[in-house]
Every structure is written in C-alpha cells, then in structure tokens.
Amino acid sequence: MEVTPPLKTIIMSINKILVHTQYYENYAHYEGGEHWKKKGGHTFSIEMDADLLLYTDPAEVFSKMVESQNSDLERFKYLDHEIQFHTPTVLGTQEDYIKTNSELNPELA
C-alpha cells in the first residue's frame, strides 16, 4: 500500500493522542482457565504528529499497538482515540463538586 505523502516527512507539530480502550481482567487465570470480565476503561497516550493519522488507518495501528499490551491476566480492546490539542482545564476540586451537589440537592447535604 503506497501512502502519500510519505510517512517519513518532516514532523510539523507533536500532539498527545489519547487511545481509549476497554479493560478486561481474567478471573480464571489462577485456575488455569479464561474468564474475561470487563472492568472499565483504560487510556493509553502517545505523543506524535497528529497529521500521520490522516494518511494511515489509526484504528488498525492503535488496535495492534494496544494488543501488544495484553497478557494472561489483562486484556485491552481499542475503542477510539482523540487528539489532545491543549492541556485540559481544571474544572474544580472535590470540595467544589460536593458544594455544587449540595446546592443542587439540599436534602442530601
């Protein structure tokens, strides 16, 4: 498969890519079996030129990369990815959350 432009181009900018996965645990490992149970999500990150995602199949590549993290005890399945262009803004603290919840639900305060 020929890719245009070549992947060995000058890197323009580096972004953090967040790769979201489903996390599974093998509950039967110590008994010598397999019983995979979903245990929530897990996020991997990779820093790279996000333009590369335009000229490749990121779902295929990230799926293969995530697969390499699997073991007999835990497994990851690629779900999706996002480009993180900026550092997230802090929304608040636990105290802010509790205060806001108390304002919205005074009967629970």
Protein backbone atom coordinates (compact mmCIF):
# COMPACT_ATOMS: atom_id res chain seq x y z
CA MET A 1 0.00 0.00 0.00
CA GLU A 2 1.55 3.27 -1.09
CA VAL A 3 0.97 6.17 1.26
CA THR A 4 1.02 9.76 0.04
CA PRO A 5 2.64 11.85 1.37
CA PRO A 6 5.47 9.64 2.65
CA LEU A 7 5.31 8.88 6.35
CA LYS A 8 8.94 9.93 6.69
CA THR A 9 8.09 13.60 6.26
CA ILE A 10 9.16 16.49 8.42
CA ILE A 11 7.22 16.49 11.68
CA MET A 12 5.21 19.68 11.90
CA SER A 13 3.90 19.52 15.44
CA ILE A 14 3.65 17.00 18.21
CA ASN A 15 0.33 16.33 19.91
CA LYS A 16 -0.72 13.90 22.60
CA ILE A 17 -3.08 11.24 21.26
CA LEU A 18 -5.30 9.55 23.83
CA VAL A 19 -6.16 5.96 22.92
CA HIS A 20 -9.28 4.73 24.74
CA THR A 21 -9.71 1.02 25.39
CA GLN A 22 -11.99 -1.44 27.16
CA TYR A 23 -10.09 -3.10 30.01
CA TYR A 24 -10.68 -6.79 30.82
CA GLU A 25 -9.39 -8.96 33.68
CA ASN A 26 -9.04 -12.74 33.50
CA TYR A 27 -10.82 -14.01 36.61
CA ALA A 28 -9.91 -17.66 35.94
CA HIS A 29 -6.19 -17.20 35.31
CA TYR A 30 -5.02 -18.71 38.59
CA GLU A 31 -7.21 -21.76 37.99
CA GLY A 32 -5.64 -22.24 34.56
CA GLY A 33 -8.63 -21.00 32.58
CA GLU A 34 -10.02 -17.95 30.90
CA HIS A 35 -12.95 -15.91 32.13
CA TRP A 36 -12.63 -12.33 30.87
CA LYS A 37 -14.63 -9.68 32.68
CA LYS A 38 -14.99 -6.04 31.64
CA LYS A 39 -13.50 -3.79 34.29
CA GLY A 40 -14.00 -0.34 32.81
CA GLY A 41 -11.87 1.77 30.56
CA HIS A 42 -8.16 2.37 30.29
CA THR A 43 -6.47 5.18 28.37
CA PHE A 44 -3.08 4.96 26.71
CA SER A 45 -1.26 8.01 25.36
CA ILE A 46 1.24 8.53 22.58
CA GLU A 47 2.97 11.74 21.52
CA MET A 48 3.21 12.07 17.75
CA ASP A 49 2.49 14.26 14.75
CA ALA A 50 -1.30 14.04 14.52
CA ASP A 51 -1.11 14.59 10.74
CA LEU A 52 0.08 10.96 10.44
CA LEU A 53 -3.45 9.91 11.40
CA LEU A 54 -4.71 11.40 8.12
CA TYR A 55 -2.55 9.13 5.95
CA THR A 56 -2.89 5.84 7.82
CA ASP A 57 -5.60 3.72 9.42
CA PRO A 58 -5.24 4.78 13.07
CA ALA A 59 -7.85 2.28 14.30
CA GLU A 60 -5.86 -0.58 12.77
CA VAL A 61 -2.49 0.69 14.02
CA PHE A 62 -3.68 1.55 17.54
CA SER A 63 -5.53 -1.79 17.80
CA LYS A 64 -2.29 -3.62 17.04
CA MET A 65 -0.29 -1.44 19.46
CA VAL A 66 -2.87 -1.95 22.23
CA GLU A 67 -2.89 -5.71 21.58
CA SER A 68 0.82 -5.79 22.39
CA GLN A 69 -0.05 -4.70 25.96
CA ASN A 70 -2.21 -7.79 26.58
CA SER A 71 -1.16 -10.54 28.98
CA ASP A 72 -2.66 -13.66 30.51
CA LEU A 73 -4.09 -11.50 33.31
CA GLU A 74 -5.35 -8.44 31.49
CA ARG A 75 -6.55 -7.53 28.02
CA PHE A 76 -7.28 -4.26 26.25
CA LYS A 77 -9.56 -3.67 23.27
CA TYR A 78 -9.22 -0.49 21.21
CA LEU A 79 -12.36 1.67 21.24
CA ASP A 80 -11.37 5.06 19.84
CA HIS A 81 -8.82 7.85 20.03
CA GLU A 82 -8.72 11.61 20.32
CA ILE A 83 -6.15 14.28 19.66
CA GLN A 84 -5.43 16.37 22.72
CA PHE A 85 -4.55 19.76 21.28
CA HIS A 86 -4.46 21.55 24.64
CA THR A 87 -3.82 20.72 28.26
CA PRO A 88 -7.20 20.17 29.95
CA THR A 89 -8.55 22.99 32.09
CA VAL A 90 -9.06 22.08 35.75
CA LEU A 91 -12.80 22.14 36.42
CA GLY A 92 -12.54 22.29 40.18
CA THR A 93 -11.83 20.20 43.24
CA GLN A 94 -13.67 17.51 45.17
CA GLU A 95 -14.83 20.23 47.55
CA ASP A 96 -16.25 22.22 44.60
CA TYR A 97 -18.12 19.12 43.46
CA ILE A 98 -19.57 18.47 46.93
CA LYS A 99 -20.57 22.14 47.33
CA THR A 100 -22.30 22.24 43.95
CA ASN A 101 -24.09 18.96 44.64
CA SER A 102 -25.28 20.34 47.99
CA GLU A 103 -26.64 23.45 46.26
CA LEU A 104 -28.49 21.32 43.71
CA ASN A 105 -29.70 18.77 46.26
CA PRO A 106 -30.02 20.48 49.67
CA GLU A 107 -31.94 17.49 51.06
CA LEU A 108 -28.76 15.41 50.69
CA ALA A 109 -26.46 17.92 52.38
